Amino acid sequence: MAEKNYIEVNLMGKSYILGGSEDEAYLQRVATYVNGKEAELKRMQGYLRQNADFQHLTLLLNMADDYFKALRQVENLKAKQEQMEQEIYNLKHELVSSRIRYEEI
């Protein structure tokens, strides 16, 4: 089992201890992402006028939105990779066929 790492981070103005099998730099990067997302929302008109529950819900929904957009991008890139691999296969097959025809001539 992987060793658990712990790091103290500042999340949304409060100090927390995060723990996980990832390294400390990764855990800090996660905290930085959350803080950045919160800062982004605070710049939006009306966000700070909402109650804390609504603010946290908005933060969670925005992070989920980022996740699903990234997931869709990964799926699109995988599909493009498969298409390019098929194109490479077809080009290699065409090259071999052309060599065979050339050698026959």
Protein backbone atom coordinates (compact mmCIF):
# COMPACT_ATOMS: atom_id res chain seq x y z
CA MET A 1 0.00 0.00 0.00
CA ALA A 2 1.27 3.45 -0.90
CA GLU A 3 2.47 5.74 1.85
CA LYS A 4 0.06 8.53 2.71
CA ASN A 5 1.33 12.09 2.45
CA TYR A 6 -0.05 14.97 4.50
CA ILE A 7 0.21 18.68 3.87
CA GLU A 8 -1.30 21.75 5.46
CA VAL A 9 -3.08 23.89 2.88
CA ASN A 10 -5.18 27.02 2.87
CA LEU A 11 -8.60 26.34 1.36
CA MET A 12 -11.02 29.22 0.98
CA GLY A 13 -9.37 31.17 3.78
CA LYS A 14 -9.09 28.31 6.28
CA SER A 15 -6.23 25.98 7.12
CA TYR A 16 -6.73 22.25 6.52
CA ILE A 17 -4.61 19.12 6.54
CA LEU A 18 -4.96 17.18 3.28
CA GLY A 19 -3.82 13.59 3.06
CA GLY A 20 -3.49 11.21 0.17
CA SER A 21 -1.24 8.81 -1.67
CA GLU A 22 -0.27 11.58 -4.09
CA ASP A 23 2.77 13.71 -3.41
CA GLU A 24 2.57 16.99 -1.50
CA ALA A 25 2.98 19.08 -4.65
CA TYR A 26 -0.10 17.45 -6.17
CA LEU A 27 -2.16 18.01 -3.03
CA GLN A 28 -1.08 21.66 -3.01
CA ARG A 29 -2.02 21.95 -6.69
CA VAL A 30 -5.52 20.65 -5.89
CA ALA A 31 -5.92 23.25 -3.14
CA THR A 32 -4.64 25.97 -5.45
CA TYR A 33 -7.19 24.93 -8.09
CA VAL A 34 -10.06 25.15 -5.58
CA ASN A 35 -8.88 28.56 -4.37
CA GLY A 36 -8.52 29.78 -7.94
CA LYS A 37 -12.01 28.62 -8.82
CA GLU A 38 -13.40 30.39 -5.76
CA ALA A 39 -11.53 33.59 -6.67
CA GLU A 40 -12.95 33.36 -10.19
CA LEU A 41 -16.49 33.10 -8.81
CA LYS A 42 -15.95 35.99 -6.40
CA ARG A 43 -15.28 38.23 -9.40
CA MET A 44 -18.76 37.43 -10.74
CA GLN A 45 -21.49 39.92 -10.00
CA GLY A 46 -23.88 38.74 -7.30
CA TYR A 47 -21.85 35.75 -6.09
CA LEU A 48 -20.85 37.39 -2.81
CA ARG A 49 -24.45 38.46 -2.12
CA GLN A 50 -25.50 34.79 -1.98
CA ASN A 51 -25.50 32.82 1.25
CA ALA A 52 -22.55 30.50 2.03
CA ASP A 53 -24.47 27.33 1.11
CA PHE A 54 -25.30 28.71 -2.34
CA GLN A 55 -21.71 29.88 -2.82
CA HIS A 56 -20.37 26.40 -1.99
CA LEU A 57 -22.94 24.77 -4.26
CA THR A 58 -21.96 27.12 -7.08
CA LEU A 59 -18.29 26.27 -6.51
CA LEU A 60 -19.01 22.54 -6.61
CA LEU A 61 -21.13 22.83 -9.75
CA ASN A 62 -18.44 24.86 -11.50
CA MET A 63 -15.77 22.31 -10.58
CA ALA A 64 -18.02 19.47 -11.81
CA ASP A 65 -18.53 21.42 -15.04
CA ASP A 66 -14.75 21.72 -15.48
CA TYR A 67 -14.39 17.98 -14.86
CA PHE A 68 -17.00 16.96 -17.43
CA LYS A 69 -15.61 19.38 -20.02
CA ALA A 70 -12.13 17.91 -19.49
CA LEU A 71 -13.57 14.39 -19.74
CA ARG A 72 -15.27 15.28 -23.03
CA GLN A 73 -12.01 16.74 -24.32
CA VAL A 74 -10.17 13.52 -23.42
CA GLU A 75 -12.84 11.46 -25.22
CA ASN A 76 -12.55 13.69 -28.30
CA LEU A 77 -8.75 13.38 -28.28
CA LYS A 78 -8.98 9.59 -27.96
CA ALA A 79 -11.37 9.44 -30.91
CA LYS A 80 -9.04 11.65 -32.95
CA GLN A 81 -6.08 9.45 -31.98
CA GLU A 82 -7.95 6.32 -33.12
CA GLN A 83 -8.83 8.04 -36.40
CA MET A 84 -5.19 9.04 -36.96
CA GLU A 85 -3.97 5.53 -36.10
CA GLN A 86 -6.42 4.12 -38.66
CA GLU A 87 -5.17 6.61 -41.23
CA ILE A 88 -1.55 5.60 -40.51
CA TYR A 89 -2.50 1.93 -40.89
CA ASN A 90 -4.19 2.67 -44.22
CA LEU A 91 -1.18 4.65 -45.46
CA LYS A 92 1.22 1.86 -44.47
CA HIS A 93 -0.98 -0.67 -46.26
CA GLU A 94 -1.05 1.57 -49.33
CA LEU A 95 2.75 1.94 -49.18
CA VAL A 96 3.27 -1.82 -49.01
CA SER A 97 0.86 -2.34 -51.90
CA SER A 98 2.65 0.31 -53.94
CA ARG A 99 6.03 -1.33 -53.27
CA ILE A 100 4.70 -4.71 -54.36
CA ARG A 101 3.30 -3.22 -57.58
CA TYR A 102 6.58 -1.36 -58.18
CA GLU A 103 8.63 -4.53 -57.70
CA GLU A 104 6.35 -6.39 -60.12
CA ILE A 105 7.02 -3.76 -62.77
